[in-house]
PDB file of N, CA and C in Angstrom:
ATOM      1  N   MET A   1      48.643 142.617  22.826  1.00  0.00           N
ATOM      2  CA  MET A   1      49.668 142.708  21.402  1.00  0.00           C
ATOM      3  C   MET A   1      48.914 142.341  20.047  1.00  0.00           C
ATOM      4  N   ASN A   2      47.915 141.194  20.221  1.00  0.00           N
ATOM      5  CA  ASN A   2      47.245 140.810  19.074  1.00  0.00           C
ATOM      6  C   ASN A   2      45.990 141.719  18.550  1.00  0.00           C
ATOM      7  N   PHE A   3      45.812 142.348  19.593  1.00  0.00           N
ATOM      8  CA  PHE A   3      44.902 143.309  19.315  1.00  0.00           C
ATOM      9  C   PHE A   3      45.015 144.902  18.436  1.00  0.00           C
ATOM     10  N   THR A   4      46.452 145.099  19.154  1.00  0.00           N
ATOM     11  CA  THR A   4      47.134 146.234  18.500  1.00  0.00           C
ATOM     12  C   THR A   4      47.514 145.864  17.031  1.00  0.00           C
ATOM     13  N   ARG A   5      48.004 144.517  16.754  1.00  0.00           N
ATOM     14  CA  ARG A   5      48.180 144.605  15.532  1.00  0.00           C
ATOM     15  C   ARG A   5      47.317 144.469  14.419  1.00  0.00           C
ATOM     16  N   GLU A   6      46.446 143.313  14.888  1.00  0.00           N
ATOM     17  CA  GLU A   6      45.032 143.772  13.862  1.00  0.00           C
ATOM     18  C   GLU A   6      44.487 145.226  14.174  1.00  0.00           C
ATOM     19  N   ALA A   7      44.477 145.912  15.164  1.00  0.00           N
ATOM     20  CA  ALA A   7      44.019 147.234  14.694  1.00  0.00           C
ATOM     21  C   ALA A   7      44.606 147.719  13.819  1.00  0.00           C
ATOM     22  N   LEU A   8      46.097 147.628  13.916  1.00  0.00           N
ATOM     23  CA  LEU A   8      46.876 148.256  12.594  1.00  0.00           C
ATOM     24  C   LEU A   8      46.650 148.138  11.312  1.00  0.00           C
ATOM     25  N   TRP A   9      46.546 146.683  11.166  1.00  0.00           N
ATOM     26  CA  TRP A   9      46.225 146.077   9.895  1.00  0.00           C
ATOM     27  C   TRP A   9      44.732 146.481   8.949  1.00  0.00           C
ATOM     28  N   LEU A  10      43.843 146.910  10.392  1.00  0.00           N
ATOM     29  CA  LEU A  10      42.604 147.348   9.911  1.00  0.00           C
ATOM     30  C   LEU A  10      43.071 148.903   9.389  1.00  0.00           C
ATOM     31  N   GLY A  11      43.543 149.557  10.075  1.00  0.00           N
ATOM     32  CA  GLY A  11      43.978 150.919   9.687  1.00  0.00           C
ATOM     33  C   GLY A  11      44.443 150.952   8.523  1.00  0.00           C
ATOM     34  N   VAL A  12      45.233 149.957   8.363  1.00  0.00           N
ATOM     35  CA  VAL A  12      46.195 149.999   6.561  1.00  0.00           C
ATOM     36  C   VAL A  12      45.200 149.800   5.907  1.00  0.00           C
ATOM     37  N   GLY A  13      43.960 148.794   6.197  1.00  0.00           N
ATOM     38  CA  GLY A  13      42.743 148.537   4.933  1.00  0.00           C
ATOM     39  C   GLY A  13      42.218 149.609   4.763  1.00  0.00           C
ATOM     40  N   PHE A  14      41.358 150.189   5.834  1.00  0.00           N
ATOM     41  CA  PHE A  14      40.662 151.479   5.945  1.00  0.00           C
ATOM     42  C   PHE A  14      41.657 152.381   5.177  1.00  0.00           C
ATOM     43  N   LEU A  15      42.502 152.651   5.228  1.00  0.00           N
ATOM     44  CA  LEU A  15      43.704 154.360   4.698  1.00  0.00           C
ATOM     45  C   LEU A  15      43.226 153.572   3.036  1.00  0.00           C
ATOM     46  N   GLY A  16      43.907 152.359   2.897  1.00  0.00           N
ATOM     47  CA  GLY A  16      44.091 152.037   1.717  1.00  0.00           C
ATOM     48  C   GLY A  16      42.694 152.561   0.542  1.00  0.00           C
ATOM     49  N   GLN A  17      41.550 151.924   1.498  1.00  0.00           N
ATOM     50  CA  GLN A  17      40.341 152.158   0.907  1.00  0.00           C
ATOM     51  C   GLN A  17      39.708 153.524   1.011  1.00  0.00           C
ATOM     52  N   ALA A  18      40.363 154.489   1.883  1.00  0.00           N
ATOM     53  CA  ALA A  18      40.008 155.812   1.638  1.00  0.00           C
ATOM     54  C   ALA A  18      40.834 156.542   0.374  1.00  0.00           C
ATOM     55  N   VAL A  19      42.267 156.143   0.298  1.00  0.00           N
ATOM     56  CA  VAL A  19      42.916 156.618  -0.990  1.00  0.00           C
ATOM     57  C   VAL A  19      42.225 156.041  -2.064  1.00  0.00           C
ATOM     58  N   PHE A  20      42.052 154.749  -1.928  1.00  0.00           N
ATOM     59  CA  PHE A  20      41.193 154.365  -3.398  1.00  0.00           C
ATOM     60  C   PHE A  20      40.206 155.089  -3.822  1.00  0.00           C
ATOM     61  N   THR A  21      39.454 155.692  -2.841  1.00  0.00           N
ATOM     62  CA  THR A  21      38.108 156.136  -3.037  1.00  0.00           C
ATOM     63  C   THR A  21      38.464 157.620  -3.364  1.00  0.00           C
ATOM     64  N   GLY A  22      39.277 157.919  -2.566  1.00  0.00           N
ATOM     65  CA  GLY A  22      39.593 159.725  -3.064  1.00  0.00           C
ATOM     66  C   GLY A  22      40.251 159.818  -4.280  1.00  0.00           C
ATOM     67  N   ARG A  23      40.526 158.801  -5.153  1.00  0.00           N
ATOM     68  CA  ARG A  23      40.841 159.042  -6.479  1.00  0.00           C
ATOM     69  C   ARG A  23      39.812 159.623  -7.580  1.00  0.00           C
ATOM     70  N   PHE A  24      38.461 158.749  -6.977  1.00  0.00           N
ATOM     71  CA  PHE A  24      37.241 159.207  -7.712  1.00  0.00           C
ATOM     72  C   PHE A  24      36.852 160.554  -7.418  1.00  0.00           C
ATOM     73  N   VAL A  25      36.971 160.875  -6.184  1.00  0.00           N
ATOM     74  CA  VAL A  25      36.774 162.242  -5.737  1.00  0.00           C
ATOM     75  C   VAL A  25      37.629 163.440  -6.448  1.00  0.00           C
ATOM     76  N   LEU A  26      38.794 163.181  -6.683  1.00  0.00           N
ATOM     77  CA  LEU A  26      39.594 163.996  -7.316  1.00  0.00           C
ATOM     78  C   LEU A  26      39.155 163.731  -8.795  1.00  0.00           C
ATOM     79  N   GLN A  27      39.351 162.718  -9.321  1.00  0.00           N
ATOM     80  CA  GLN A  27      38.642 162.750 -10.949  1.00  0.00           C
ATOM     81  C   GLN A  27      37.394 163.740 -11.104  1.00  0.00           C
ATOM     82  N   TRP A  28      36.259 163.464 -10.305  1.00  0.00           N
ATOM     83  CA  TRP A  28      35.314 164.253 -10.445  1.00  0.00           C
ATOM     84  C   TRP A  28      35.436 165.609 -10.315  1.00  0.00           C
ATOM     85  N   LEU A  29      35.782 165.952  -9.035  1.00  0.00           N
ATOM     86  CA  LEU A  29      36.295 167.486  -8.919  1.00  0.00           C
ATOM     87  C   LEU A  29      37.120 168.055 -10.099  1.00  0.00           C
ATOM     88  N   TYR A  30      38.012 167.344 -10.378  1.00  0.00           N
ATOM     89  CA  TYR A  30      38.709 168.148 -11.805  1.00  0.00           C
ATOM     90  C   TYR A  30      38.032 167.912 -12.938  1.00  0.00           C
ATOM     91  N   SER A  31      37.071 166.975 -12.915  1.00  0.00           N
ATOM     92  CA  SER A  31      36.512 167.237 -14.421  1.00  0.00           C
ATOM     93  C   SER A  31      35.305 168.578 -14.326  1.00  0.00           C
ATOM     94  N   GLU A  32      35.090 168.350 -13.142  1.00  0.00           N
ATOM     95  CA  GLU A  32      33.992 169.651 -12.922  1.00  0.00           C
ATOM     96  C   GLU A  32      34.429 170.774 -13.212  1.00  0.00           C
ATOM     97  N   ILE A  33      36.227 170.812 -12.595  1.00  0.00           N
ATOM     98  CA  ILE A  33      36.778 172.792 -12.907  1.00  0.00           C
ATOM     99  C   ILE A  33      36.461 172.152 -14.452  1.00  0.00           C
ATOM    100  N   LYS A  34      37.354 171.609 -14.977  1.00  0.00           N
ATOM    101  CA  LYS A  34      37.294 171.338 -16.636  1.00  0.00           C
ATOM    102  C   LYS A  34      36.074 171.389 -17.377  1.00  0.00           C
ATOM    103  N   LYS A  35      34.803 171.047 -16.820  1.00  0.00           N
ATOM    104  CA  LYS A  35      34.007 170.965 -17.441  1.00  0.00           C
ATOM    105  C   LYS A  35      33.905 170.169 -18.981  1.00  0.00           C
ATOM    106  N   ARG A  36      34.532 169.214 -18.499  1.00  0.00           N
ATOM    107  CA  ARG A  36      34.622 167.445 -19.240  1.00  0.00           C
ATOM    108  C   ARG A  36      34.831 166.741 -18.344  1.00  0.00           C
ATOM    109  N   SER A  37      34.801 165.372 -19.052  1.00  0.00           N
ATOM    110  CA  SER A  37      35.757 164.294 -18.264  1.00  0.00           C
ATOM    111  C   SER A  37      37.475 164.220 -18.570  1.00  0.00           C
ATOM    112  N   VAL A  38      37.464 163.985 -17.258  1.00  0.00           N
ATOM    113  CA  VAL A  38      39.428 164.066 -17.528  1.00  0.00           C
ATOM    114  C   VAL A  38      39.673 163.479 -16.527  1.00  0.00           C
ATOM    115  N   ILE A  39      40.746 162.470 -16.520  1.00  0.00           N
ATOM    116  CA  ILE A  39      41.417 161.675 -15.534  1.00  0.00           C
ATOM    117  C   ILE A  39      42.871 162.437 -15.265  1.00  0.00           C
ATOM    118  N   PRO A  40      43.273 162.973 -14.319  1.00  0.00           N
ATOM    119  CA  PRO A  40      44.337 163.985 -13.866  1.00  0.00           C
ATOM    120  C   PRO A  40      45.603 162.761 -13.466  1.00  0.00           C
ATOM    121  N   VAL A  41      46.380 162.955 -13.684  1.00  0.00           N
ATOM    122  CA  VAL A  41      48.038 162.233 -13.208  1.00  0.00           C
ATOM    123  C   VAL A  41      47.473 161.825 -11.610  1.00  0.00           C
ATOM    124  N   GLY A  42      47.024 162.656 -10.802  1.00  0.00           N
ATOM    125  CA  GLY A  42      47.100 162.442  -9.632  1.00  0.00           C
ATOM    126  C   GLY A  42      45.904 161.063  -9.498  1.00  0.00           C
ATOM    127  N   PHE A  43      45.147 160.882 -10.270  1.00  0.00           N
ATOM    128  CA  PHE A  43      44.340 159.627 -10.157  1.00  0.00           C
ATOM    129  C   PHE A  43      45.370 158.693 -10.214  1.00  0.00           C
ATOM    130  N   TRP A  44      46.239 158.361 -11.071  1.00  0.00           N
ATOM    131  CA  TRP A  44      47.104 157.042 -10.908  1.00  0.00           C
ATOM    132  C   TRP A  44      47.649 156.816 -10.070  1.00  0.00           C
ATOM    133  N   TYR A  45      48.217 158.209  -9.160  1.00  0.00           N
ATOM    134  CA  TYR A  45      49.246 158.498  -8.196  1.00  0.00           C
ATOM    135  C   TYR A  45      48.433 157.380  -7.077  1.00  0.00           C
ATOM    136  N   LEU A  46      47.153 158.211  -6.609  1.00  0.00           N
ATOM    137  CA  LEU A  46      46.070 157.686  -5.745  1.00  0.00           C
ATOM    138  C   LEU A  46      45.939 155.839  -5.944  1.00  0.00           C
ATOM    139  N   SER A  47      45.514 155.640  -7.340  1.00  0.00           N
ATOM    140  CA  SER A  47      45.104 154.193  -7.618  1.00  0.00           C
ATOM    141  C   SER A  47      46.182 153.320  -7.267  1.00  0.00           C
ATOM    142  N   MET A  48      47.330 153.939  -7.756  1.00  0.00           N
ATOM    143  CA  MET A  48      48.780 152.901  -6.808  1.00  0.00           C
ATOM    144  C   MET A  48      49.006 152.936  -5.699  1.00  0.00           C
ATOM    145  N   LEU A  49      48.728 154.080  -4.838  1.00  0.00           N
ATOM    146  CA  LEU A  49      49.166 154.064  -3.297  1.00  0.00           C
ATOM    147  C   LEU A  49      47.619 153.409  -2.846  1.00  0.00           C
ATOM    148  N   GLY A  50      46.585 153.097  -3.353  1.00  0.00           N
ATOM    149  CA  GLY A  50      45.691 152.889  -2.724  1.00  0.00           C
ATOM    150  C   GLY A  50      45.519 151.102  -3.077  1.00  0.00           C
ATOM    151  N   SER A  51      45.879 150.964  -4.311  1.00  0.00           N
ATOM    152  CA  SER A  51      46.186 149.636  -4.264  1.00  0.00           C
ATOM    153  C   SER A  51      47.264 149.110  -3.467  1.00  0.00           C
ATOM    154  N   ALA A  52      48.479 149.514  -3.662  1.00  0.00           N
ATOM    155  CA  ALA A  52      49.502 149.085  -2.423  1.00  0.00           C
ATOM    156  C   ALA A  52      48.768 148.619  -1.343  1.00  0.00           C
ATOM    157  N   LEU A  53      48.256 149.652  -0.868  1.00  0.00           N
ATOM    158  CA  LEU A  53      48.142 149.780   0.673  1.00  0.00           C
ATOM    159  C   LEU A  53      46.599 148.418   0.953  1.00  0.00           C
ATOM    160  N   LEU A  54      45.984 148.625   0.016  1.00  0.00           N
ATOM    161  CA  LEU A  54      44.852 146.977   0.035  1.00  0.00           C
ATOM    162  C   LEU A  54      45.707 145.558  -0.399  1.00  0.00           C
ATOM    163  N   LEU A  55      46.715 146.205  -1.402  1.00  0.00           N
ATOM    164  CA  LEU A  55      47.506 144.578  -1.531  1.00  0.00           C
ATOM    165  C   LEU A  55      47.991 144.196  -0.176  1.00  0.00           C
ATOM    166  N   LEU A  56      49.101 145.061   0.622  1.00  0.00           N
ATOM    167  CA  LEU A  56      49.536 144.701   1.825  1.00  0.00           C
ATOM    168  C   LEU A  56      48.428 144.132   2.864  1.00  0.00           C
ATOM    169  N   TYR A  57      47.031 145.055   2.938  1.00  0.00           N
ATOM    170  CA  TYR A  57      46.155 144.095   3.724  1.00  0.00           C
ATOM    171  C   TYR A  57      45.202 142.986   2.999  1.00  0.00           C
ATOM    172  N   ALA A  58      45.397 142.607   2.094  1.00  0.00           N
ATOM    173  CA  ALA A  58      44.860 141.430   1.117  1.00  0.00           C
ATOM    174  C   ALA A  58      45.713 140.717   1.585  1.00  0.00           C
ATOM    175  N   ILE A  59      47.036 140.409   1.711  1.00  0.00           N
ATOM    176  CA  ILE A  59      48.487 139.386   1.774  1.00  0.00           C
ATOM    177  C   ILE A  59      48.312 139.281   3.473  1.00  0.00           C
ATOM    178  N   TYR A  60      47.811 140.294   4.180  1.00  0.00           N
ATOM    179  CA  TYR A  60      48.066 139.589   5.752  1.00  0.00           C
ATOM    180  C   TYR A  60      46.872 138.934   5.869  1.00  0.00           C
ATOM    181  N   ARG A  61      45.720 139.201   5.408  1.00  0.00           N
ATOM    182  CA  ARG A  61      44.801 138.353   5.088  1.00  0.00           C
ATOM    183  C   ARG A  61      44.518 136.969   4.950  1.00  0.00           C
ATOM    184  N   GLU A  62      45.596 137.187   3.993  1.00  0.00           N
ATOM    185  CA  GLU A  62      45.683 135.838   2.895  1.00  0.00           C
ATOM    186  C   GLU A  62      44.283 135.515   2.372  1.00  0.00           C
ATOM    187  N   ASP A  63      44.159 136.354   1.324  1.00  0.00           N
ATOM    188  CA  ASP A  63      42.830 136.447   0.735  1.00  0.00           C
ATOM    189  C   ASP A  63      43.286 136.578  -1.019  1.00  0.00           C
ATOM    190  N   PRO A  64      43.723 135.235  -1.416  1.00  0.00           N
ATOM    191  CA  PRO A  64      44.047 135.319  -2.856  1.00  0.00           C
ATOM    192  C   PRO A  64      42.836 136.300  -4.014  1.00  0.00           C
ATOM    193  N   VAL A  65      41.741 135.811  -4.180  1.00  0.00           N
ATOM    194  CA  VAL A  65      40.925 136.922  -4.434  1.00  0.00           C
ATOM    195  C   VAL A  65      41.698 138.420  -4.835  1.00  0.00           C
ATOM    196  N   PHE A  66      41.361 138.483  -3.207  1.00  0.00           N
ATOM    197  CA  PHE A  66      41.866 140.031  -3.075  1.00  0.00           C
ATOM    198  C   PHE A  66      43.226 140.395  -3.667  1.00  0.00           C
ATOM    199  N   ILE A  67      44.040 139.312  -3.567  1.00  0.00           N
ATOM    200  CA  ILE A  67      45.536 139.533  -3.754  1.00  0.00           C
ATOM    201  C   ILE A  67      45.902 139.874  -5.442  1.00  0.00           C
ATOM    202  N   ILE A  68      45.232 139.041  -6.016  1.00  0.00           N
ATOM    203  CA  ILE A  68      45.230 138.976  -7.494  1.00  0.00           C
ATOM    204  C   ILE A  68      44.326 140.131  -8.079  1.00  0.00           C
ATOM    205  N   GLY A  69      43.120 140.263  -7.528  1.00  0.00           N
ATOM    206  CA  GLY A  69      43.033 141.469  -8.106  1.00  0.00           C
ATOM    207  C   GLY A  69      43.594 142.781  -7.815  1.00  0.00           C
ATOM    208  N   GLN A  70      44.186 143.145  -6.720  1.00  0.00           N
ATOM    209  CA  GLN A  70      44.983 144.527  -6.546  1.00  0.00           C
ATOM    210  C   GLN A  70      46.457 144.371  -7.309  1.00  0.00           C
ATOM    211  N   SER A  71      46.605 142.854  -7.401  1.00  0.00           N
ATOM    212  CA  SER A  71      47.965 143.144  -8.019  1.00  0.00           C
ATOM    213  C   SER A  71      47.760 143.229  -9.629  1.00  0.00           C
ATOM    214  N   PHE A  72      46.537 143.015 -10.037  1.00  0.00           N
ATOM    215  CA  PHE A  72      46.685 143.190 -11.637  1.00  0.00           C
ATOM    216  C   PHE A  72      46.226 145.056 -11.719  1.00  0.00           C
ATOM    217  N   GLY A  73      45.240 145.501 -10.555  1.00  0.00           N
ATOM    218  CA  GLY A  73      45.216 146.639 -10.574  1.00  0.00           C
ATOM    219  C   GLY A  73      46.465 147.418 -10.600  1.00  0.00           C
ATOM    220  N   PHE A  74      47.176 147.046  -9.684  1.00  0.00           N
ATOM    221  CA  PHE A  74      48.569 147.988  -9.493  1.00  0.00           C
ATOM    222  C   PHE A  74      49.452 147.974 -10.827  1.00  0.00           C
ATOM    223  N   VAL A  75      49.307 146.964 -11.706  1.00  0.00           N
ATOM    224  CA  VAL A  75      50.453 146.829 -12.790  1.00  0.00           C
ATOM    225  C   VAL A  75      49.902 147.913 -13.879  1.00  0.00           C
ATOM    226  N   VAL A  76      48.137 148.003 -13.740  1.00  0.00           N
ATOM    227  CA  VAL A  76      48.104 148.627 -14.412  1.00  0.00           C
ATOM    228  C   VAL A  76      48.144 149.831 -14.339  1.00  0.00           C
ATOM    229  N   TYR A  77      47.897 150.367 -12.930  1.00  0.00           N
ATOM    230  CA  TYR A  77      48.136 151.710 -12.594  1.00  0.00           C
ATOM    231  C   TYR A  77      49.646 152.455 -13.192  1.00  0.00           C
ATOM    232  N   LEU A  78      50.746 151.441 -12.597  1.00  0.00           N
ATOM    233  CA  LEU A  78      51.987 151.611 -13.141  1.00  0.00           C
ATOM    234  C   LEU A  78      52.038 152.053 -14.605  1.00  0.00           C
ATOM    235  N   ARG A  79      51.623 151.251 -15.203  1.00  0.00           N
ATOM    236  CA  ARG A  79      51.714 151.144 -16.515  1.00  0.00           C
ATOM    237  C   ARG A  79      51.357 152.544 -17.124  1.00  0.00           C
ATOM    238  N   ASN A  80      49.694 152.963 -16.823  1.00  0.00           N
ATOM    239  CA  ASN A  80      49.490 154.114 -17.364  1.00  0.00           C
ATOM    240  C   ASN A  80      50.324 155.569 -16.478  1.00  0.00           C
ATOM    241  N   LEU A  81      51.135 155.359 -15.630  1.00  0.00           N
ATOM    242  CA  LEU A  81      52.057 156.578 -15.085  1.00  0.00           C
ATOM    243  C   LEU A  81      53.317 156.468 -16.253  1.00  0.00           C
ATOM    244  N   GLN A  82      53.525 155.185 -16.685  1.00  0.00           N
ATOM    245  CA  GLN A  82      54.747 155.002 -17.173  1.00  0.00           C
ATOM    246  C   GLN A  82      54.388 155.521 -18.775  1.00  0.00           C
ATOM    247  N   LEU A  83      53.158 155.353 -19.239  1.00  0.00           N
ATOM    248  CA  LEU A  83      52.638 156.088 -20.466  1.00  0.00           C
ATOM    249  C   LEU A  83      53.124 157.567 -20.541  1.00  0.00           C
ATOM    250  N   ILE A  84      52.423 158.026 -19.381  1.00  0.00           N
ATOM    251  CA  ILE A  84      52.126 159.505 -19.422  1.00  0.00           C
ATOM    252  C   ILE A  84      53.546 160.262 -19.251  1.00  0.00           C
ATOM    253  N   ALA A  85      54.423 159.403 -18.769  1.00  0.00           N
ATOM    254  CA  ALA A  85      55.677 160.028 -18.635  1.00  0.00           C
ATOM    255  C   ALA A  85      56.231 159.998 -20.121  1.00  0.00           C
ATOM    256  N   LYS A  86      56.248 159.323 -20.582  1.00  0.00           N
ATOM    257  CA  LYS A  86      56.549 158.956 -21.938  1.00  0.00           C
ATOM    258  C   LYS A  86      56.224 159.714 -22.982  1.00  0.00           C
ATOM    259  N   HIS A  87      55.061 160.116 -22.827  1.00  0.00           N
ATOM    260  CA  HIS A  87      54.314 160.985 -23.786  1.00  0.00           C
ATOM    261  C   HIS A  87      54.961 162.500 -23.332  1.00  0.00           C
ATOM    262  N   LYS A  88      54.983 162.845 -21.979  1.00  0.00           N
ATOM    263  CA  LYS A  88      55.432 163.979 -21.342  1.00  0.00           C
ATOM    264  C   LYS A  88      56.903 164.148 -21.795  1.00  0.00           C
ATOM    265  N   ALA A  89      57.720 163.171 -21.795  1.00  0.00           N
ATOM    266  CA  ALA A  89      58.862 162.979 -22.346  1.00  0.00           C
ATOM    267  C   ALA A  89      59.252 163.836 -23.768  1.00  0.00           C
ATOM    268  N   LEU A  90      58.358 163.236 -24.593  1.00  0.00           N
ATOM    269  CA  LEU A  90      58.230 163.089 -26.121  1.00  0.00           C
ATOM    270  C   LEU A  90      58.035 164.401 -26.626  1.00  0.00           C
ATOM    271  N   LYS A  91      57.085 165.131 -25.833  1.00  0.00           N
ATOM    272  CA  LYS A  91      56.492 166.765 -25.993  1.00  0.00           C
ATOM    273  C   LYS A  91      57.577 167.782 -25.540  1.00  0.00           C
ATOM    274  N   GLU A  92      58.548 167.374 -24.835  1.00  0.00           N
ATOM    275  CA  GLU A  92      59.285 168.294 -24.330  1.00  0.00           C
ATOM    276  C   GLU A  92      60.751 168.357 -25.501  1.00  0.00           C
TER     277      GLU A  92
END
């Protein structure tokens, strides 16, 4: 049973890291398509999802440094999405 729980949490950690890394791939490809440096909205969604998964993993591992780092990042990503939504609503 313990191996299964540990394997599950390792899976969460690796998935979180993969999603978090995917945001850079998305930004790079999007910028290549646009021929200029651009951060698409999807970057912030992937950032939030990856950060949330990594935060869960950090809490499981009881790592205070990792917990604080991911908590702060999550707030920043959420705020960026709020600002984007507010700007979009003002344009409509």
